Structure formats: structure tokens, C-alpha cells
Amino acid sequence: MSETANSKLSWSIVLVVLACFVIPAGVMAALQVFGISSKDWFFIAFGVGLIVAFGLNFVRPRYGNSSGRLKRLYDFLLRQFPRPD
């Protein structure tokens, strides 16, 4: 079964969004913001990141219907973040 561009794109969006949440959470954990432990920061960031990523994948235009800047962004994500084997 071959994968479609949309399924590959969904995976790359999840990776990008998780990185955008987990990296700042790591900084906040190192700075001990709000007195929350680093493990708690990671789980909070990971959970919120997954929810945002799945929500974004649900509402985004499909690859075949995209054009212009969005198409270029999708192509970038497909090249930079391939789905792991």
C-alpha cells in the first residue's frame, strides 16, 4: 500500500508542532518557571502539542487542494520531515 502525500504530511505536521511545544517547555523546566518539575512540563507540552497537531491536521486543506504559499509549505514539510520506516 503506497502512502499518500496527505498521510506523510500529517506526520510531519505532528513532528513540527510537538517540537514547537516541547522545546519551550524544556527551557521553562530548566528555568523552573511556576515551580513545575521537568517531567510534568514534558507531559503537558507533549499532550497539548498532540491535541494542537491533530486539530490542525483536521482543519487544514488537503495537499491536492492547496496552492501558492501553502503548497510550498507542504512541499517543504514533505522533504524535511519524511515519515519514519
N, C-alpha and C. Protein backbone atom coordinates (compact mmCIF):
# COMPACT_ATOMS: atom_id res chain seq x y z
N MET A 1 0.85 -1.17 0.00
CA MET A 1 0.00 0.00 0.00
C MET A 1 0.89 1.24 0.00
N SER A 2 0.72 2.13 -0.96
CA SER A 2 1.53 3.33 -1.00
C SER A 2 0.87 4.43 -0.18
N GLU A 3 1.72 5.25 0.42
CA GLU A 3 1.21 6.33 1.25
C GLU A 3 0.88 7.54 0.39
N THR A 4 -0.14 8.25 0.76
CA THR A 4 -0.49 9.47 0.05
C THR A 4 0.31 10.63 0.62
N ALA A 5 0.33 11.72 -0.11
CA ALA A 5 1.03 12.91 0.37
C ALA A 5 0.38 13.43 1.65
N ASN A 6 -0.95 13.26 1.76
CA ASN A 6 -1.63 13.75 2.96
C ASN A 6 -1.22 12.99 4.21
N SER A 7 -1.05 11.69 4.12
CA SER A 7 -0.65 10.93 5.30
C SER A 7 0.78 11.27 5.69
N LYS A 8 1.66 11.46 4.71
CA LYS A 8 3.03 11.86 5.00
C LYS A 8 3.06 13.27 5.59
N LEU A 9 2.22 14.13 5.07
CA LEU A 9 2.15 15.49 5.55
C LEU A 9 1.61 15.56 6.97
N SER A 10 0.65 14.74 7.29
CA SER A 10 0.10 14.71 8.65
C SER A 10 1.18 14.36 9.66
N TRP A 11 2.01 13.41 9.32
CA TRP A 11 3.09 13.00 10.22
C TRP A 11 4.07 14.15 10.43
N SER A 12 4.43 14.86 9.37
CA SER A 12 5.40 15.94 9.51
C SER A 12 4.82 17.10 10.31
N ILE A 13 3.53 17.37 10.18
CA ILE A 13 2.90 18.42 10.97
C ILE A 13 2.93 18.06 12.45
N VAL A 14 2.69 16.81 12.77
CA VAL A 14 2.75 16.38 14.17
C VAL A 14 4.16 16.60 14.73
N LEU A 15 5.19 16.26 13.98
CA LEU A 15 6.56 16.45 14.45
C LEU A 15 6.89 17.92 14.68
N VAL A 16 6.50 18.78 13.74
CA VAL A 16 6.80 20.20 13.85
C VAL A 16 6.08 20.82 15.05
N VAL A 17 4.81 20.50 15.21
CA VAL A 17 4.04 21.08 16.31
C VAL A 17 4.56 20.58 17.66
N LEU A 18 4.88 19.30 17.75
CA LEU A 18 5.44 18.78 19.00
C LEU A 18 6.75 19.48 19.35
N ALA A 19 7.60 19.69 18.36
CA ALA A 19 8.86 20.39 18.63
C ALA A 19 8.60 21.82 19.10
N CYS A 20 7.60 22.46 18.52
CA CYS A 20 7.27 23.84 18.92
C CYS A 20 6.73 23.92 20.34
N PHE A 21 6.21 22.84 20.87
CA PHE A 21 5.72 22.84 22.25
C PHE A 21 6.74 22.28 23.23
N VAL A 22 7.44 21.22 22.86
CA VAL A 22 8.34 20.55 23.79
C VAL A 22 9.62 21.35 24.03
N ILE A 23 10.17 21.99 23.02
CA ILE A 23 11.41 22.75 23.20
C ILE A 23 11.21 23.92 24.17
N PRO A 24 10.19 24.77 23.99
CA PRO A 24 9.98 25.83 25.00
C PRO A 24 9.67 25.26 26.39
N ALA A 25 9.00 24.13 26.45
CA ALA A 25 8.72 23.52 27.75
C ALA A 25 10.02 23.09 28.43
N GLY A 26 10.97 22.61 27.64
CA GLY A 26 12.28 22.25 28.20
C GLY A 26 13.00 23.46 28.77
N VAL A 27 12.90 24.58 28.08
CA VAL A 27 13.51 25.82 28.58
C VAL A 27 12.82 26.25 29.87
N MET A 28 11.49 26.21 29.89
CA MET A 28 10.77 26.59 31.10
C MET A 28 11.07 25.65 32.26
N ALA A 29 11.26 24.38 31.96
CA ALA A 29 11.61 23.42 33.01
C ALA A 29 12.99 23.73 33.56
N ALA A 30 13.93 24.08 32.68
CA ALA A 30 15.29 24.40 33.14
C ALA A 30 15.30 25.67 33.99
N LEU A 31 14.43 26.61 33.66
CA LEU A 31 14.35 27.86 34.42
C LEU A 31 13.44 27.74 35.64
N GLN A 32 12.81 26.59 35.80
CA GLN A 32 11.90 26.29 36.89
C GLN A 32 10.78 27.33 37.00
N VAL A 33 10.16 27.59 35.86
CA VAL A 33 9.03 28.51 35.79
C VAL A 33 7.83 27.86 36.48
N PHE A 34 7.17 28.59 37.31
CA PHE A 34 5.98 28.15 38.05
C PHE A 34 6.26 26.98 38.99
N GLY A 35 7.49 26.59 39.18
CA GLY A 35 7.82 25.53 40.11
C GLY A 35 7.34 24.15 39.69
N ILE A 36 7.14 23.95 38.40
CA ILE A 36 6.67 22.66 37.88
C ILE A 36 7.89 21.82 37.50
N SER A 37 7.87 20.54 37.80
CA SER A 37 9.01 19.67 37.51
C SER A 37 9.17 19.48 36.00
N SER A 38 10.37 19.09 35.60
CA SER A 38 10.66 18.93 34.17
C SER A 38 9.83 17.80 33.55
N LYS A 39 9.58 16.75 34.32
CA LYS A 39 8.76 15.65 33.79
C LYS A 39 7.33 16.13 33.53
N ASP A 40 6.81 16.93 34.45
CA ASP A 40 5.46 17.46 34.26
C ASP A 40 5.39 18.39 33.06
N TRP A 41 6.41 19.25 32.88
CA TRP A 41 6.45 20.13 31.72
C TRP A 41 6.43 19.32 30.43
N PHE A 42 7.20 18.25 30.40
CA PHE A 42 7.26 17.44 29.18
C PHE A 42 5.90 16.85 28.86
N PHE A 43 5.23 16.27 29.85
CA PHE A 43 3.93 15.65 29.59
C PHE A 43 2.87 16.68 29.22
N ILE A 44 2.91 17.84 29.85
CA ILE A 44 1.97 18.91 29.50
C ILE A 44 2.20 19.35 28.06
N ALA A 45 3.46 19.62 27.70
CA ALA A 45 3.78 20.07 26.35
C ALA A 45 3.46 19.00 25.31
N PHE A 46 3.77 17.77 25.61
CA PHE A 46 3.51 16.68 24.68
C PHE A 46 2.00 16.51 24.46
N GLY A 47 1.24 16.55 25.52
CA GLY A 47 -0.21 16.40 25.40
C GLY A 47 -0.86 17.54 24.64
N VAL A 48 -0.49 18.77 25.00
CA VAL A 48 -1.05 19.93 24.30
C VAL A 48 -0.59 19.93 22.84
N GLY A 49 0.66 19.59 22.59
CA GLY A 49 1.17 19.52 21.22
C GLY A 49 0.42 18.51 20.38
N LEU A 50 0.14 17.35 20.93
CA LEU A 50 -0.62 16.35 20.18
C LEU A 50 -2.03 16.83 19.86
N ILE A 51 -2.67 17.45 20.83
CA ILE A 51 -4.03 17.96 20.61
C ILE A 51 -4.03 19.03 19.51
N VAL A 52 -3.08 19.95 19.58
CA VAL A 52 -2.99 21.00 18.56
C VAL A 52 -2.67 20.41 17.19
N ALA A 53 -1.75 19.46 17.14
CA ALA A 53 -1.36 18.85 15.86
C ALA A 53 -2.53 18.10 15.22
N PHE A 54 -3.26 17.33 16.01
CA PHE A 54 -4.39 16.60 15.43
C PHE A 54 -5.49 17.56 15.02
N GLY A 55 -5.70 18.63 15.78
CA GLY A 55 -6.68 19.64 15.39
C GLY A 55 -6.28 20.33 14.10
N LEU A 56 -5.01 20.68 13.98
CA LEU A 56 -4.51 21.31 12.78
C LEU A 56 -4.63 20.39 11.57
N ASN A 57 -4.31 19.12 11.75
CA ASN A 57 -4.45 18.17 10.65
C ASN A 57 -5.91 17.99 10.24
N PHE A 58 -6.82 18.16 11.17
CA PHE A 58 -8.25 18.01 10.86
C PHE A 58 -8.78 19.18 10.03
N VAL A 59 -8.31 20.40 10.31
CA VAL A 59 -8.87 21.57 9.64
C VAL A 59 -8.05 22.06 8.44
N ARG A 60 -6.85 21.57 8.25
CA ARG A 60 -6.02 22.07 7.15
C ARG A 60 -6.54 21.59 5.80
N PRO A 61 -6.30 22.40 4.74
CA PRO A 61 -6.67 21.95 3.39
C PRO A 61 -5.82 20.75 2.97
N ARG A 62 -6.39 19.86 2.23
CA ARG A 62 -5.66 18.69 1.75
C ARG A 62 -4.59 19.10 0.74
N TYR A 63 -3.59 18.27 0.56
CA TYR A 63 -2.46 18.56 -0.31
C TYR A 63 -2.92 18.84 -1.75
N GLY A 64 -3.83 18.07 -2.26
CA GLY A 64 -4.30 18.25 -3.63
C GLY A 64 -5.08 19.52 -3.85
N ASN A 65 -5.67 20.07 -2.80
CA ASN A 65 -6.46 21.29 -2.92
C ASN A 65 -5.68 22.55 -2.58
N SER A 66 -4.41 22.41 -2.24
CA SER A 66 -3.62 23.57 -1.82
C SER A 66 -2.95 24.22 -3.02
N SER A 67 -2.60 25.49 -2.85
CA SER A 67 -1.89 26.21 -3.90
C SER A 67 -1.09 27.34 -3.27
N GLY A 68 -0.19 27.92 -4.04
CA GLY A 68 0.58 29.07 -3.59
C GLY A 68 1.51 28.77 -2.43
N ARG A 69 1.47 29.65 -1.43
CA ARG A 69 2.37 29.53 -0.27
C ARG A 69 2.12 28.25 0.51
N LEU A 70 0.87 27.89 0.64
CA LEU A 70 0.55 26.67 1.39
C LEU A 70 1.13 25.44 0.70
N LYS A 71 1.06 25.40 -0.61
CA LYS A 71 1.63 24.27 -1.37
C LYS A 71 3.14 24.22 -1.16
N ARG A 72 3.80 25.39 -1.17
CA ARG A 72 5.25 25.42 -0.94
C ARG A 72 5.59 24.97 0.47
N LEU A 73 4.78 25.36 1.46
CA LEU A 73 4.99 24.91 2.84
C LEU A 73 4.83 23.39 2.93
N TYR A 74 3.79 22.86 2.31
CA TYR A 74 3.57 21.41 2.31
C TYR A 74 4.74 20.68 1.66
N ASP A 75 5.23 21.20 0.53
CA ASP A 75 6.36 20.56 -0.13
C ASP A 75 7.61 20.58 0.76
N PHE A 76 7.83 21.69 1.46
CA PHE A 76 8.96 21.79 2.38
C PHE A 76 8.82 20.74 3.49
N LEU A 77 7.64 20.63 4.08
CA LEU A 77 7.43 19.66 5.15
C LEU A 77 7.63 18.23 4.66
N LEU A 78 7.18 17.94 3.46
CA LEU A 78 7.34 16.59 2.92
C LEU A 78 8.81 16.25 2.69
N ARG A 79 9.61 17.24 2.29
CA ARG A 79 11.05 16.98 2.08
C ARG A 79 11.82 16.89 3.38
N GLN A 80 11.51 17.74 4.33
CA GLN A 80 12.30 17.85 5.56
C GLN A 80 11.95 16.83 6.63
N PHE A 81 10.69 16.42 6.67
CA PHE A 81 10.23 15.53 7.73
C PHE A 81 9.56 14.28 7.15
N PRO A 82 10.34 13.40 6.54
CA PRO A 82 9.72 12.19 5.99
C PRO A 82 9.23 11.27 7.10
N ARG A 83 8.23 10.50 6.78
CA ARG A 83 7.68 9.55 7.76
C ARG A 83 8.72 8.46 8.02
N PRO A 84 8.93 8.10 9.29
CA PRO A 84 9.92 7.05 9.59
C PRO A 84 9.43 5.68 9.13
N ASP A 85 10.39 4.81 8.86
CA ASP A 85 10.03 3.44 8.43
C ASP A 85 9.69 2.57 9.60
